[in-house]
């Protein structure tokens, strides 16, 4: 039997209902598209206590491998575990509550076989599940400036990141060359739980082996981080700047600051001053101590279109 090419890696924690739907969809899609000899499914249960373990132990499919973590590794810890334990050439980390469009797995495998790029990035939108109805909130995350980019080449990846780095942070939209992803995690010198590390991993994989941008919407994400939450502030003012530093460290002089990130800082903070003056003092007080971490020097040599 030939070696499988792709691992669908599903991290999960206390979302057994979403997990049931996701695994049922993945297994059915693999069967309908006749991909059993090319795709494996690995599920990492992050010490759930809501019946997830019992559900996973009842899965009998030979395609599925289940790992029960003894302690909770955290979101990024689980992401790291799945990448570092991958045994196929490519890995696709799929959140248990996101939605994948029909035929996407086959499309991904076509790219893997034809191009063997380090990063395959899928266009995506956002949705909200209201009862049994899936309501699309944002049909496409990327605007026209992103969709006009070339479909291949590391330069296109960096341009995409400069338009909006948050698109690359969404790991359900990234299919990674496994060995390159392992190298990226090993070379990352920031904190192990950096919430933006998936941007670093994606750009590193593209830098090592090339980039493919699948512009047809393939994924609908369901995550929504509240503005001005501690998590939101940490991502924008601590974790993303650290990723910028890492990319400059490996010589990415074209890659510096995400355009939408700058727009968000200038626009949203002014809005915060008008609507939440007490909160804005905390945010503005945070800025001088975080913004110095952006690699400003390369900005002067960047021609952002």
Foldseek 3Di string as FASTA:
>chain_A
DDDAAEEAEEEDAQPQVLLVVQVVVVVVLCVVVVPLRHYAYEYEYQQHDNCNVVVVVPDDDPRYDYHYDPHGLPPLRSVLVCLVPDDHQKYQYAYSNKDFDHPVVVVVVVCCVPAVAFKEFEWAFAWACDPPDIGTDGRTPDDPVLVPADQKFLVNLLLVCQQPVVSQLPRNRIMGRSVQLNVQLVQQPDDSVQSSSSSSSRSSRCVVGIYGYHHDHTMYHHDDDDPLDPVNLCNLQPRVLSSQVSCVVVPPLQHFHHPVSVVCVVPVLVVCCVPPVVSSVVVVVSRVVRVVSTPCVSVVVHDRD
